[in-house]
PDB file of N, CA and C in Angstrom:
ATOM      1  N   UNK A   1      98.659 103.854  83.533  1.00  0.00           N
ATOM      2  CA  UNK A   1      98.729 102.573  84.280  1.00  0.00           C
ATOM      3  C   UNK A   1      97.564 101.795  84.383  1.00  0.00           C
ATOM      4  N   UNK A   2      97.362 100.592  84.025  1.00  0.00           N
ATOM      5  CA  UNK A   2      96.131  99.830  84.208  1.00  0.00           C
ATOM      6  C   UNK A   2      95.686  99.713  85.561  1.00  0.00           C
ATOM      7  N   UNK A   3      94.483  99.970  85.812  1.00  0.00           N
ATOM      8  CA  UNK A   3      93.930  99.916  87.161  1.00  0.00           C
ATOM      9  C   UNK A   3      94.068 101.237  88.106  1.00  0.00           C
ATOM     10  N   UNK A   4      94.836 102.157  87.383  1.00  0.00           N
ATOM     11  CA  UNK A   4      94.841 103.403  88.076  1.00  0.00           C
ATOM     12  C   UNK A   4      93.563 104.358  87.856  1.00  0.00           C
ATOM     13  N   UNK A   5      93.414 105.249  88.902  1.00  0.00           N
ATOM     14  CA  UNK A   5      92.374 106.156  88.596  1.00  0.00           C
ATOM     15  C   UNK A   5      92.868 107.461  88.364  1.00  0.00           C
ATOM     16  N   UNK A   6      92.090 108.232  87.576  1.00  0.00           N
ATOM     17  CA  UNK A   6      92.492 109.621  87.060  1.00  0.00           C
ATOM     18  C   UNK A   6      91.415 110.546  87.890  1.00  0.00           C
ATOM     19  N   UNK A   7      92.122 111.341  88.545  1.00  0.00           N
ATOM     20  CA  UNK A   7      91.422 112.439  89.339  1.00  0.00           C
ATOM     21  C   UNK A   7      91.584 113.823  88.767  1.00  0.00           C
ATOM     22  N   UNK A   8      90.507 114.345  88.531  1.00  0.00           N
ATOM     23  CA  UNK A   8      90.502 115.748  88.067  1.00  0.00           C
ATOM     24  C   UNK A   8      90.194 116.613  89.327  1.00  0.00           C
ATOM     25  N   UNK A   9      90.940 117.693  89.513  1.00  0.00           N
ATOM     26  CA  UNK A   9      90.703 118.460  90.688  1.00  0.00           C
ATOM     27  C   UNK A   9      89.192 119.193  90.591  1.00  0.00           C
ATOM     28  N   UNK A  10      88.560 119.247  91.718  1.00  0.00           N
ATOM     29  CA  UNK A  10      87.230 119.855  91.916  1.00  0.00           C
ATOM     30  C   UNK A  10      87.239 121.270  91.671  1.00  0.00           C
ATOM     31  N   UNK A  11      88.342 121.897  91.989  1.00  0.00           N
ATOM     32  CA  UNK A  11      88.533 123.545  92.000  1.00  0.00           C
ATOM     33  C   UNK A  11      88.560 123.699  90.424  1.00  0.00           C
ATOM     34  N   UNK A  12      89.387 123.044  89.732  1.00  0.00           N
ATOM     35  CA  UNK A  12      89.574 123.280  88.332  1.00  0.00           C
ATOM     36  C   UNK A  12      88.441 122.923  87.453  1.00  0.00           C
ATOM     37  N   UNK A  13      87.624 121.905  87.927  1.00  0.00           N
ATOM     38  CA  UNK A  13      86.377 121.695  87.302  1.00  0.00           C
ATOM     39  C   UNK A  13      85.478 122.783  87.449  1.00  0.00           C
ATOM     40  N   UNK A  14      85.438 123.310  88.758  1.00  0.00           N
ATOM     41  CA  UNK A  14      84.402 124.327  89.068  1.00  0.00           C
ATOM     42  C   UNK A  14      84.751 125.627  88.051  1.00  0.00           C
ATOM     43  N   UNK A  15      86.038 125.958  88.098  1.00  0.00           N
ATOM     44  CA  UNK A  15      86.531 127.103  87.359  1.00  0.00           C
ATOM     45  C   UNK A  15      86.152 126.875  85.924  1.00  0.00           C
ATOM     46  N   UNK A  16      86.239 125.607  85.438  1.00  0.00           N
ATOM     47  CA  UNK A  16      85.867 125.327  83.885  1.00  0.00           C
ATOM     48  C   UNK A  16      84.470 125.559  83.721  1.00  0.00           C
ATOM     49  N   UNK A  17      83.607 125.074  84.597  1.00  0.00           N
ATOM     50  CA  UNK A  17      82.106 125.304  84.587  1.00  0.00           C
ATOM     51  C   UNK A  17      81.796 126.774  84.668  1.00  0.00           C
ATOM     52  N   UNK A  18      82.228 127.468  85.566  1.00  0.00           N
ATOM     53  CA  UNK A  18      81.961 128.862  85.810  1.00  0.00           C
ATOM     54  C   UNK A  18      82.426 129.730  84.745  1.00  0.00           C
ATOM     55  N   UNK A  19      83.362 129.309  84.017  1.00  0.00           N
ATOM     56  CA  UNK A  19      83.837 130.126  82.697  1.00  0.00           C
ATOM     57  C   UNK A  19      82.951 130.140  81.760  1.00  0.00           C
ATOM     58  N   UNK A  20      81.903 129.126  81.692  1.00  0.00           N
ATOM     59  CA  UNK A  20      80.847 129.069  80.766  1.00  0.00           C
ATOM     60  C   UNK A  20      79.457 129.767  81.276  1.00  0.00           C
ATOM     61  N   UNK A  21      79.588 130.403  82.386  1.00  0.00           N
ATOM     62  CA  UNK A  21      78.391 131.030  82.990  1.00  0.00           C
ATOM     63  C   UNK A  21      78.612 132.563  83.172  1.00  0.00           C
ATOM     64  N   UNK A  22      77.509 133.357  82.856  1.00  0.00           N
ATOM     65  CA  UNK A  22      77.709 134.790  83.206  1.00  0.00           C
ATOM     66  C   UNK A  22      77.877 135.014  84.535  1.00  0.00           C
ATOM     67  N   UNK A  23      78.613 136.024  84.830  1.00  0.00           N
ATOM     68  CA  UNK A  23      79.107 136.529  86.093  1.00  0.00           C
ATOM     69  C   UNK A  23      77.927 136.594  87.156  1.00  0.00           C
ATOM     70  N   UNK A  24      76.674 137.156  86.633  1.00  0.00           N
ATOM     71  CA  UNK A  24      75.719 137.230  87.517  1.00  0.00           C
ATOM     72  C   UNK A  24      75.127 136.009  87.989  1.00  0.00           C
ATOM     73  N   UNK A  25      75.343 134.720  87.368  1.00  0.00           N
ATOM     74  CA  UNK A  25      74.650 133.649  87.734  1.00  0.00           C
ATOM     75  C   UNK A  25      75.803 132.569  88.377  1.00  0.00           C
ATOM     76  N   UNK A  26      76.974 133.106  88.378  1.00  0.00           N
ATOM     77  CA  UNK A  26      78.037 132.194  89.043  1.00  0.00           C
ATOM     78  C   UNK A  26      77.912 131.706  90.384  1.00  0.00           C
ATOM     79  N   UNK A  27      77.467 132.630  91.179  1.00  0.00           N
ATOM     80  CA  UNK A  27      77.250 132.071  92.711  1.00  0.00           C
ATOM     81  C   UNK A  27      76.212 131.091  92.698  1.00  0.00           C
ATOM     82  N   UNK A  28      75.187 131.257  91.984  1.00  0.00           N
ATOM     83  CA  UNK A  28      74.041 130.330  92.235  1.00  0.00           C
ATOM     84  C   UNK A  28      74.383 128.915  91.467  1.00  0.00           C
ATOM     85  N   UNK A  29      75.141 129.008  90.401  1.00  0.00           N
ATOM     86  CA  UNK A  29      75.590 127.701  89.753  1.00  0.00           C
ATOM     87  C   UNK A  29      76.715 126.979  90.637  1.00  0.00           C
ATOM     88  N   UNK A  30      77.548 127.794  91.252  1.00  0.00           N
ATOM     89  CA  UNK A  30      78.547 127.221  92.058  1.00  0.00           C
ATOM     90  C   UNK A  30      77.900 126.540  93.209  1.00  0.00           C
ATOM     91  N   UNK A  31      76.870 127.142  93.919  1.00  0.00           N
ATOM     92  CA  UNK A  31      76.282 126.646  94.978  1.00  0.00           C
ATOM     93  C   UNK A  31      75.425 125.277  94.763  1.00  0.00           C
ATOM     94  N   UNK A  32      74.837 125.263  93.532  1.00  0.00           N
ATOM     95  CA  UNK A  32      74.165 124.149  93.111  1.00  0.00           C
ATOM     96  C   UNK A  32      75.191 122.994  92.667  1.00  0.00           C
ATOM     97  N   UNK A  33      76.224 123.291  92.062  1.00  0.00           N
ATOM     98  CA  UNK A  33      77.109 122.215  91.664  1.00  0.00           C
ATOM     99  C   UNK A  33      78.004 121.697  92.897  1.00  0.00           C
ATOM    100  N   UNK A  34      78.145 122.520  93.940  1.00  0.00           N
ATOM    101  CA  UNK A  34      78.873 122.041  95.195  1.00  0.00           C
ATOM    102  C   UNK A  34      77.955 121.053  95.838  1.00  0.00           C
ATOM    103  N   UNK A  35      76.471 120.938  95.552  1.00  0.00           N
ATOM    104  CA  UNK A  35      75.853 119.948  96.290  1.00  0.00           C
ATOM    105  C   UNK A  35      76.258 118.491  95.839  1.00  0.00           C
ATOM    106  N   UNK A  36      76.841 118.372  94.556  1.00  0.00           N
ATOM    107  CA  UNK A  36      77.297 117.068  94.082  1.00  0.00           C
ATOM    108  C   UNK A  36      78.477 116.511  95.032  1.00  0.00           C
ATOM    109  N   UNK A  37      79.348 117.398  95.418  1.00  0.00           N
ATOM    110  CA  UNK A  37      80.443 116.974  96.158  1.00  0.00           C
ATOM    111  C   UNK A  37      80.101 116.667  97.695  1.00  0.00           C
ATOM    112  N   UNK A  38      78.927 117.044  98.135  1.00  0.00           N
ATOM    113  CA  UNK A  38      78.445 116.950  99.507  1.00  0.00           C
ATOM    114  C   UNK A  38      77.821 115.615  99.752  1.00  0.00           C
ATOM    115  N   UNK A  39      77.643 114.847  98.462  1.00  0.00           N
ATOM    116  CA  UNK A  39      77.045 113.466  98.839  1.00  0.00           C
ATOM    117  C   UNK A  39      77.769 112.593  99.486  1.00  0.00           C
ATOM    118  N   UNK A  40      77.194 111.647 100.245  1.00  0.00           N
ATOM    119  CA  UNK A  40      77.929 110.612 100.954  1.00  0.00           C
ATOM    120  C   UNK A  40      78.653 109.552 100.364  1.00  0.00           C
ATOM    121  N   UNK A  41      78.154 109.269  99.049  1.00  0.00           N
ATOM    122  CA  UNK A  41      78.731 108.091  98.243  1.00  0.00           C
ATOM    123  C   UNK A  41      78.796 108.516  96.714  1.00  0.00           C
ATOM    124  N   UNK A  42      79.738 107.872  96.130  1.00  0.00           N
ATOM    125  CA  UNK A  42      79.782 108.078  94.669  1.00  0.00           C
ATOM    126  C   UNK A  42      78.640 107.914  93.908  1.00  0.00           C
ATOM    127  N   UNK A  43      77.874 106.982  94.267  1.00  0.00           N
ATOM    128  CA  UNK A  43      76.554 106.715  93.446  1.00  0.00           C
ATOM    129  C   UNK A  43      75.748 107.875  93.831  1.00  0.00           C
ATOM    130  N   UNK A  44      75.518 108.306  94.959  1.00  0.00           N
ATOM    131  CA  UNK A  44      74.784 109.441  95.286  1.00  0.00           C
ATOM    132  C   UNK A  44      75.182 110.778  94.643  1.00  0.00           C
ATOM    133  N   UNK A  45      76.503 110.820  94.484  1.00  0.00           N
ATOM    134  CA  UNK A  45      77.075 112.080  93.833  1.00  0.00           C
ATOM    135  C   UNK A  45      76.896 112.204  92.365  1.00  0.00           C
ATOM    136  N   UNK A  46      76.806 110.829  91.746  1.00  0.00           N
ATOM    137  CA  UNK A  46      76.496 110.765  90.307  1.00  0.00           C
ATOM    138  C   UNK A  46      75.038 111.120  90.001  1.00  0.00           C
ATOM    139  N   UNK A  47      74.196 110.610  91.056  1.00  0.00           N
ATOM    140  CA  UNK A  47      72.834 110.869  90.829  1.00  0.00           C
ATOM    141  C   UNK A  47      72.535 112.290  91.065  1.00  0.00           C
ATOM    142  N   UNK A  48      73.204 112.877  91.994  1.00  0.00           N
ATOM    143  CA  UNK A  48      73.060 114.393  92.112  1.00  0.00           C
ATOM    144  C   UNK A  48      73.630 115.173  90.906  1.00  0.00           C
ATOM    145  N   UNK A  49      74.554 114.786  90.212  1.00  0.00           N
ATOM    146  CA  UNK A  49      75.165 115.478  89.244  1.00  0.00           C
ATOM    147  C   UNK A  49      74.097 115.250  88.002  1.00  0.00           C
ATOM    148  N   UNK A  50      73.631 114.206  87.778  1.00  0.00           N
ATOM    149  CA  UNK A  50      72.491 114.104  86.914  1.00  0.00           C
ATOM    150  C   UNK A  50      71.235 114.982  87.212  1.00  0.00           C
ATOM    151  N   UNK A  51      71.048 115.212  88.345  1.00  0.00           N
ATOM    152  CA  UNK A  51      69.823 116.090  88.575  1.00  0.00           C
ATOM    153  C   UNK A  51      70.276 117.628  88.404  1.00  0.00           C
ATOM    154  N   UNK A  52      71.585 117.927  88.815  1.00  0.00           N
ATOM    155  CA  UNK A  52      72.051 119.183  88.571  1.00  0.00           C
ATOM    156  C   UNK A  52      72.192 119.543  87.061  1.00  0.00           C
ATOM    157  N   UNK A  53      72.491 118.597  86.294  1.00  0.00           N
ATOM    158  CA  UNK A  53      72.568 118.798  84.781  1.00  0.00           C
ATOM    159  C   UNK A  53      71.289 119.179  84.235  1.00  0.00           C
ATOM    160  N   UNK A  54      70.326 118.213  84.621  1.00  0.00           N
ATOM    161  CA  UNK A  54      68.832 118.490  84.138  1.00  0.00           C
ATOM    162  C   UNK A  54      68.584 119.910  84.556  1.00  0.00           C
ATOM    163  N   UNK A  55      68.612 120.291  85.887  1.00  0.00           N
ATOM    164  CA  UNK A  55      68.050 121.571  86.347  1.00  0.00           C
ATOM    165  C   UNK A  55      68.779 122.753  85.572  1.00  0.00           C
ATOM    166  N   UNK A  56      69.920 122.731  85.185  1.00  0.00           N
ATOM    167  CA  UNK A  56      70.716 123.804  84.609  1.00  0.00           C
ATOM    168  C   UNK A  56      70.938 123.751  83.112  1.00  0.00           C
ATOM    169  N   UNK A  57      70.780 122.504  82.586  1.00  0.00           N
ATOM    170  CA  UNK A  57      71.122 122.505  81.150  1.00  0.00           C
ATOM    171  C   UNK A  57      70.449 123.455  80.165  1.00  0.00           C
ATOM    172  N   UNK A  58      69.238 123.707  80.494  1.00  0.00           N
ATOM    173  CA  UNK A  58      68.578 124.710  79.493  1.00  0.00           C
ATOM    174  C   UNK A  58      69.052 126.232  79.606  1.00  0.00           C
ATOM    175  N   UNK A  59      69.451 126.568  80.796  1.00  0.00           N
ATOM    176  CA  UNK A  59      70.122 127.919  81.020  1.00  0.00           C
ATOM    177  C   UNK A  59      71.490 127.967  80.711  1.00  0.00           C
ATOM    178  N   UNK A  60      72.304 126.942  80.987  1.00  0.00           N
ATOM    179  CA  UNK A  60      73.751 126.916  80.722  1.00  0.00           C
ATOM    180  C   UNK A  60      74.288 125.617  80.098  1.00  0.00           C
ATOM    181  N   UNK A  61      74.006 125.483  78.972  1.00  0.00           N
ATOM    182  CA  UNK A  61      74.235 124.123  78.189  1.00  0.00           C
ATOM    183  C   UNK A  61      75.782 123.969  78.023  1.00  0.00           C
ATOM    184  N   UNK A  62      76.515 124.938  77.690  1.00  0.00           N
ATOM    185  CA  UNK A  62      77.982 124.751  77.619  1.00  0.00           C
ATOM    186  C   UNK A  62      78.634 124.557  79.006  1.00  0.00           C
ATOM    187  N   UNK A  63      78.061 125.051  80.173  1.00  0.00           N
ATOM    188  CA  UNK A  63      78.713 124.610  81.517  1.00  0.00           C
ATOM    189  C   UNK A  63      78.222 123.258  81.794  1.00  0.00           C
ATOM    190  N   UNK A  64      77.028 122.937  81.422  1.00  0.00           N
ATOM    191  CA  UNK A  64      76.603 121.480  81.884  1.00  0.00           C
ATOM    192  C   UNK A  64      77.440 120.417  80.966  1.00  0.00           C
ATOM    193  N   UNK A  65      77.822 120.905  79.905  1.00  0.00           N
ATOM    194  CA  UNK A  65      78.548 119.813  79.058  1.00  0.00           C
ATOM    195  C   UNK A  65      79.875 119.781  79.566  1.00  0.00           C
ATOM    196  N   UNK A  66      80.418 120.781  80.231  1.00  0.00           N
ATOM    197  CA  UNK A  66      81.736 120.655  80.897  1.00  0.00           C
ATOM    198  C   UNK A  66      81.571 119.643  82.015  1.00  0.00           C
ATOM    199  N   UNK A  67      80.535 119.756  82.788  1.00  0.00           N
ATOM    200  CA  UNK A  67      80.156 118.977  84.002  1.00  0.00           C
ATOM    201  C   UNK A  67      80.130 117.665  83.504  1.00  0.00           C
ATOM    202  N   UNK A  68      79.294 117.283  82.567  1.00  0.00           N
ATOM    203  CA  UNK A  68      79.011 115.945  82.084  1.00  0.00           C
ATOM    204  C   UNK A  68      80.357 115.243  81.705  1.00  0.00           C
ATOM    205  N   UNK A  69      81.194 116.044  80.983  1.00  0.00           N
ATOM    206  CA  UNK A  69      82.381 115.645  80.421  1.00  0.00           C
ATOM    207  C   UNK A  69      83.365 115.115  81.576  1.00  0.00           C
ATOM    208  N   UNK A  70      83.291 115.813  82.685  1.00  0.00           N
ATOM    209  CA  UNK A  70      84.151 115.778  83.779  1.00  0.00           C
ATOM    210  C   UNK A  70      83.628 114.716  84.971  1.00  0.00           C
ATOM    211  N   UNK A  71      82.388 114.198  84.756  1.00  0.00           N
ATOM    212  CA  UNK A  71      81.894 113.447  85.627  1.00  0.00           C
ATOM    213  C   UNK A  71      82.891 112.241  86.402  1.00  0.00           C
ATOM    214  N   UNK A  72      83.242 111.468  85.472  1.00  0.00           N
ATOM    215  CA  UNK A  72      84.031 110.208  85.833  1.00  0.00           C
ATOM    216  C   UNK A  72      85.285 110.621  86.482  1.00  0.00           C
ATOM    217  N   UNK A  73      85.993 111.710  86.092  1.00  0.00           N
ATOM    218  CA  UNK A  73      87.256 112.200  86.495  1.00  0.00           C
ATOM    219  C   UNK A  73      87.221 112.991  87.819  1.00  0.00           C
ATOM    220  N   UNK A  74      86.172 113.769  87.972  1.00  0.00           N
ATOM    221  CA  UNK A  74      85.851 114.586  89.087  1.00  0.00           C
ATOM    222  C   UNK A  74      85.511 113.942  90.376  1.00  0.00           C
ATOM    223  N   UNK A  75      84.889 112.693  90.141  1.00  0.00           N
ATOM    224  CA  UNK A  75      84.200 111.943  91.314  1.00  0.00           C
ATOM    225  C   UNK A  75      84.879 110.609  91.452  1.00  0.00           C
ATOM    226  N   UNK A  76      86.108 110.587  90.674  1.00  0.00           N
ATOM    227  CA  UNK A  76      86.899 109.313  91.212  1.00  0.00           C
ATOM    228  C   UNK A  76      87.415 109.015  92.375  1.00  0.00           C
ATOM    229  N   UNK A  77      87.778 110.190  93.335  1.00  0.00           N
ATOM    230  CA  UNK A  77      88.235 110.061  94.505  1.00  0.00           C
ATOM    231  C   UNK A  77      87.125 109.480  95.425  1.00  0.00           C
ATOM    232  N   UNK A  78      85.884 109.458  94.918  1.00  0.00           N
ATOM    233  CA  UNK A  78      84.691 108.837  96.087  1.00  0.00           C
ATOM    234  C   UNK A  78      84.868 107.317  95.813  1.00  0.00           C
ATOM    235  N   UNK A  79      85.667 106.688  94.988  1.00  0.00           N
ATOM    236  CA  UNK A  79      85.658 105.367  94.933  1.00  0.00           C
ATOM    237  C   UNK A  79      86.749 104.837  96.029  1.00  0.00           C
ATOM    238  N   UNK A  80      87.377 105.650  96.668  1.00  0.00           N
ATOM    239  CA  UNK A  80      88.326 105.300  97.639  1.00  0.00           C
ATOM    240  C   UNK A  80      87.573 105.566  99.112  1.00  0.00           C
ATOM    241  N   UNK A  81      88.199 105.055 100.079  1.00  0.00           N
ATOM    242  CA  UNK A  81      87.690 105.158 101.476  1.00  0.00           C
ATOM    243  C   UNK A  81      87.535 106.778 101.843  1.00  0.00           C
ATOM    244  N   UNK A  82      86.452 106.930 102.498  1.00  0.00           N
ATOM    245  CA  UNK A  82      85.990 108.534 102.770  1.00  0.00           C
ATOM    246  C   UNK A  82      87.087 109.205 103.471  1.00  0.00           C
ATOM    247  N   UNK A  83      87.958 108.461 104.321  1.00  0.00           N
ATOM    248  CA  UNK A  83      88.931 109.116 105.031  1.00  0.00           C
ATOM    249  C   UNK A  83      90.038 109.863 104.233  1.00  0.00           C
ATOM    250  N   UNK A  84      90.091 109.275 102.921  1.00  0.00           N
ATOM    251  CA  UNK A  84      91.110 109.855 101.921  1.00  0.00           C
ATOM    252  C   UNK A  84      90.531 110.925 101.171  1.00  0.00           C
ATOM    253  N   UNK A  85      89.223 111.098 101.113  1.00  0.00           N
ATOM    254  CA  UNK A  85      88.500 112.036 100.158  1.00  0.00           C
ATOM    255  C   UNK A  85      89.202 113.476 100.067  1.00  0.00           C
ATOM    256  N   UNK A  86      89.541 114.022 101.308  1.00  0.00           N
ATOM    257  CA  UNK A  86      89.936 115.322 101.520  1.00  0.00           C
ATOM    258  C   UNK A  86      91.342 115.485 100.785  1.00  0.00           C
ATOM    259  N   UNK A  87      92.209 114.389 100.908  1.00  0.00           N
ATOM    260  CA  UNK A  87      93.456 114.613 100.264  1.00  0.00           C
ATOM    261  C   UNK A  87      93.328 114.363  98.647  1.00  0.00           C
ATOM    262  N   UNK A  88      92.300 113.544  98.226  1.00  0.00           N
ATOM    263  CA  UNK A  88      92.435 113.065  96.901  1.00  0.00           C
ATOM    264  C   UNK A  88      91.463 113.865  96.023  1.00  0.00           C
ATOM    265  N   UNK A  89      90.692 114.836  96.550  1.00  0.00           N
ATOM    266  CA  UNK A  89      89.769 115.439  95.650  1.00  0.00           C
ATOM    267  C   UNK A  89      90.425 116.613  95.046  1.00  0.00           C
ATOM    268  N   UNK A  90      91.559 117.075  95.375  1.00  0.00           N
ATOM    269  CA  UNK A  90      92.205 118.148  94.655  1.00  0.00           C
ATOM    270  C   UNK A  90      93.724 117.768  94.173  1.00  0.00           C
ATOM    271  N   UNK A  91      94.119 118.537  93.225  1.00  0.00           N
ATOM    272  CA  UNK A  91      95.458 118.360  92.788  1.00  0.00           C
ATOM    273  C   UNK A  91      96.327 119.360  93.446  1.00  0.00           C
ATOM    274  N   UNK A  92      95.821 120.109  94.265  1.00  0.00           N
ATOM    275  CA  UNK A  92      96.534 121.187  94.870  1.00  0.00           C
ATOM    276  C   UNK A  92      97.979 120.853  95.581  1.00  0.00           C
ATOM    277  N   UNK A  93      98.036 119.610  96.295  1.00  0.00           N
ATOM    278  CA  UNK A  93      99.264 119.151  96.941  1.00  0.00           C
ATOM    279  C   UNK A  93     100.337 118.830  95.857  1.00  0.00           C
ATOM    280  N   UNK A  94      99.958 118.212  94.750  1.00  0.00           N
ATOM    281  CA  UNK A  94     100.717 117.946  93.597  1.00  0.00           C
ATOM    282  C   UNK A  94     101.365 119.220  93.044  1.00  0.00           C
ATOM    283  N   UNK A  95     100.411 120.181  92.914  1.00  0.00           N
ATOM    284  CA  UNK A  95     100.952 121.358  92.186  1.00  0.00           C
ATOM    285  C   UNK A  95     101.819 122.147  93.017  1.00  0.00           C
ATOM    286  N   UNK A  96     101.570 122.132  94.343  1.00  0.00           N
ATOM    287  CA  UNK A  96     102.500 122.840  95.308  1.00  0.00           C
ATOM    288  C   UNK A  96     103.946 122.081  95.256  1.00  0.00           C
ATOM    289  N   UNK A  97     103.919 120.694  95.192  1.00  0.00           N
ATOM    290  CA  UNK A  97     105.069 120.146  94.960  1.00  0.00           C
ATOM    291  C   UNK A  97     105.946 120.458  93.716  1.00  0.00           C
ATOM    292  N   UNK A  98     105.195 120.343  92.576  1.00  0.00           N
ATOM    293  CA  UNK A  98     105.770 120.844  91.486  1.00  0.00           C
ATOM    294  C   UNK A  98     106.307 122.255  91.478  1.00  0.00           C
ATOM    295  N   UNK A  99     105.627 123.259  92.057  1.00  0.00           N
ATOM    296  CA  UNK A  99     106.098 124.616  92.271  1.00  0.00           C
ATOM    297  C   UNK A  99     107.316 124.682  93.111  1.00  0.00           C
ATOM    298  N   UNK A 100     107.359 123.862  94.123  1.00  0.00           N
ATOM    299  CA  UNK A 100     108.589 123.692  94.909  1.00  0.00           C
ATOM    300  C   UNK A 100     109.819 123.152  94.143  1.00  0.00           C
ATOM    301  N   UNK A 101     109.681 122.191  93.424  1.00  0.00           N
ATOM    302  CA  UNK A 101     110.677 121.649  92.614  1.00  0.00           C
ATOM    303  C   UNK A 101     111.194 122.624  91.717  1.00  0.00           C
ATOM    304  N   UNK A 102     110.164 123.303  90.828  1.00  0.00           N
ATOM    305  CA  UNK A 102     110.818 124.417  89.859  1.00  0.00           C
ATOM    306  C   UNK A 102     111.388 125.541  90.592  1.00  0.00           C
ATOM    307  N   UNK A 103     110.941 125.939  91.932  1.00  0.00           N
ATOM    308  CA  UNK A 103     111.494 127.049  92.527  1.00  0.00           C
ATOM    309  C   UNK A 103     112.985 126.659  92.884  1.00  0.00           C
ATOM    310  N   UNK A 104     113.162 125.445  93.358  1.00  0.00           N
ATOM    311  CA  UNK A 104     114.580 124.928  93.811  1.00  0.00           C
ATOM    312  C   UNK A 104     115.344 124.757  92.681  1.00  0.00           C
ATOM    313  N   UNK A 105     114.970 124.342  91.549  1.00  0.00           N
ATOM    314  CA  UNK A 105     115.822 124.214  90.338  1.00  0.00           C
ATOM    315  C   UNK A 105     116.296 125.614  89.816  1.00  0.00           C
ATOM    316  N   UNK A 106     115.322 126.692  89.963  1.00  0.00           N
ATOM    317  CA  UNK A 106     115.720 127.873  89.518  1.00  0.00           C
ATOM    318  C   UNK A 106     116.766 128.580  90.296  1.00  0.00           C
ATOM    319  N   UNK A 107     116.686 128.265  91.777  1.00  0.00           N
ATOM    320  CA  UNK A 107     117.763 128.841  92.713  1.00  0.00           C
ATOM    321  C   UNK A 107     119.039 128.269  92.288  1.00  0.00           C
ATOM    322  N   UNK A 108     119.240 126.987  91.859  1.00  0.00           N
ATOM    323  CA  UNK A 108     120.521 126.319  91.477  1.00  0.00           C
ATOM    324  C   UNK A 108     120.904 127.019  90.157  1.00  0.00           C
ATOM    325  N   UNK A 109     120.055 127.058  89.257  1.00  0.00           N
ATOM    326  CA  UNK A 109     120.362 127.620  87.908  1.00  0.00           C
ATOM    327  C   UNK A 109     120.914 126.545  86.986  1.00  0.00           C
ATOM    328  N   UNK A 110     122.169 126.430  86.656  1.00  0.00           N
ATOM    329  CA  UNK A 110     122.848 125.279  85.950  1.00  0.00           C
ATOM    330  C   UNK A 110     123.332 124.303  86.618  1.00  0.00           C
ATOM    331  N   UNK A 111     123.066 123.013  86.039  1.00  0.00           N
ATOM    332  CA  UNK A 111     123.563 121.875  86.793  1.00  0.00           C
ATOM    333  C   UNK A 111     124.553 121.281  85.876  1.00  0.00           C
ATOM    334  N   UNK A 112     125.534 120.557  86.580  1.00  0.00           N
ATOM    335  CA  UNK A 112     126.651 120.076  85.860  1.00  0.00           C
ATOM    336  C   UNK A 112     126.400 118.831  85.000  1.00  0.00           C
ATOM    337  N   UNK A 113     125.150 118.188  85.419  1.00  0.00           N
ATOM    338  CA  UNK A 113     124.855 116.883  84.713  1.00  0.00           C
ATOM    339  C   UNK A 113     123.579 116.466  85.138  1.00  0.00           C
ATOM    340  N   UNK A 114     123.025 115.671  84.511  1.00  0.00           N
ATOM    341  CA  UNK A 114     121.741 115.127  84.575  1.00  0.00           C
ATOM    342  C   UNK A 114     121.514 114.486  86.023  1.00  0.00           C
ATOM    343  N   UNK A 115     122.626 113.706  86.595  1.00  0.00           N
ATOM    344  CA  UNK A 115     122.564 113.184  87.900  1.00  0.00           C
ATOM    345  C   UNK A 115     122.344 114.273  88.970  1.00  0.00           C
ATOM    346  N   UNK A 116     122.818 115.399  88.727  1.00  0.00           N
ATOM    347  CA  UNK A 116     122.779 116.434  89.816  1.00  0.00           C
ATOM    348  C   UNK A 116     121.247 116.833  90.012  1.00  0.00           C
ATOM    349  N   UNK A 117     120.667 117.012  88.905  1.00  0.00           N
ATOM    350  CA  UNK A 117     119.194 117.377  88.858  1.00  0.00           C
ATOM    351  C   UNK A 117     118.398 116.202  89.369  1.00  0.00           C
ATOM    352  N   UNK A 118     118.706 115.000  89.212  1.00  0.00           N
ATOM    353  CA  UNK A 118     117.911 113.858  89.645  1.00  0.00           C
ATOM    354  C   UNK A 118     118.294 113.840  91.273  1.00  0.00           C
ATOM    355  N   UNK A 119     119.353 114.069  91.696  1.00  0.00           N
ATOM    356  CA  UNK A 119     119.646 114.165  93.107  1.00  0.00           C
ATOM    357  C   UNK A 119     118.816 115.272  93.882  1.00  0.00           C
ATOM    358  N   UNK A 120     118.761 116.420  93.168  1.00  0.00           N
ATOM    359  CA  UNK A 120     118.076 117.456  93.757  1.00  0.00           C
ATOM    360  C   UNK A 120     116.691 117.188  93.913  1.00  0.00           C
ATOM    361  N   UNK A 121     115.965 116.805  92.884  1.00  0.00           N
ATOM    362  CA  UNK A 121     114.723 116.447  92.816  1.00  0.00           C
ATOM    363  C   UNK A 121     114.351 115.420  93.758  1.00  0.00           C
ATOM    364  N   UNK A 122     115.204 114.324  93.887  1.00  0.00           N
ATOM    365  CA  UNK A 122     114.963 113.088  94.727  1.00  0.00           C
ATOM    366  C   UNK A 122     115.072 113.705  96.194  1.00  0.00           C
ATOM    367  N   UNK A 123     115.972 114.600  96.411  1.00  0.00           N
ATOM    368  CA  UNK A 123     115.973 115.111  97.842  1.00  0.00           C
ATOM    369  C   UNK A 123     114.679 115.895  98.262  1.00  0.00           C
ATOM    370  N   UNK A 124     114.169 116.569  97.251  1.00  0.00           N
ATOM    371  CA  UNK A 124     112.901 117.244  97.522  1.00  0.00           C
ATOM    372  C   UNK A 124     111.780 116.310  97.731  1.00  0.00           C
ATOM    373  N   UNK A 125     111.754 115.293  97.043  1.00  0.00           N
ATOM    374  CA  UNK A 125     110.700 114.468  97.029  1.00  0.00           C
ATOM    375  C   UNK A 125     110.822 113.556  98.467  1.00  0.00           C
ATOM    376  N   UNK A 126     111.932 113.259  98.861  1.00  0.00           N
ATOM    377  CA  UNK A 126     112.120 112.623 100.213  1.00  0.00           C
ATOM    378  C   UNK A 126     111.800 113.531 101.324  1.00  0.00           C
ATOM    379  N   UNK A 127     112.093 114.884 101.080  1.00  0.00           N
ATOM    380  CA  UNK A 127     111.787 115.890 102.130  1.00  0.00           C
ATOM    381  C   UNK A 127     110.194 115.860 102.402  1.00  0.00           C
ATOM    382  N   UNK A 128     109.431 115.940 101.243  1.00  0.00           N
ATOM    383  CA  UNK A 128     108.125 115.951 101.168  1.00  0.00           C
ATOM    384  C   UNK A 128     107.460 114.677 101.899  1.00  0.00           C
ATOM    385  N   UNK A 129     108.047 113.559 101.442  1.00  0.00           N
ATOM    386  CA  UNK A 129     107.654 112.300 101.934  1.00  0.00           C
ATOM    387  C   UNK A 129     107.647 112.211 103.419  1.00  0.00           C
TER     388      UNK A 129
END
């Protein structure tokens, strides 16, 4: 949709980064990358991201490529008011909702028609709202 922001989950980005780092260095890289998300503004976070990439690029080029590629998507939540950051920085609430929908559909099993599925999913979404 035009004008919509795409947010990539910080946790998933961190997992993708760390998958490119040897186990012995993962704690150090994780701590350094987390400094990006501790910044007070999106501009400061982008500046910190550039600094982190410069610091770690030589030792972990693949991991830093993942970070550079994710920059816009993982920092998109910072374009919104700060009070919304905590809810918007992760896709975990959405993933939880999707798991709940799947769980409830599996409990029912077979639906008589498409409208029955739509009613069930609609009820779940109303319940969550």
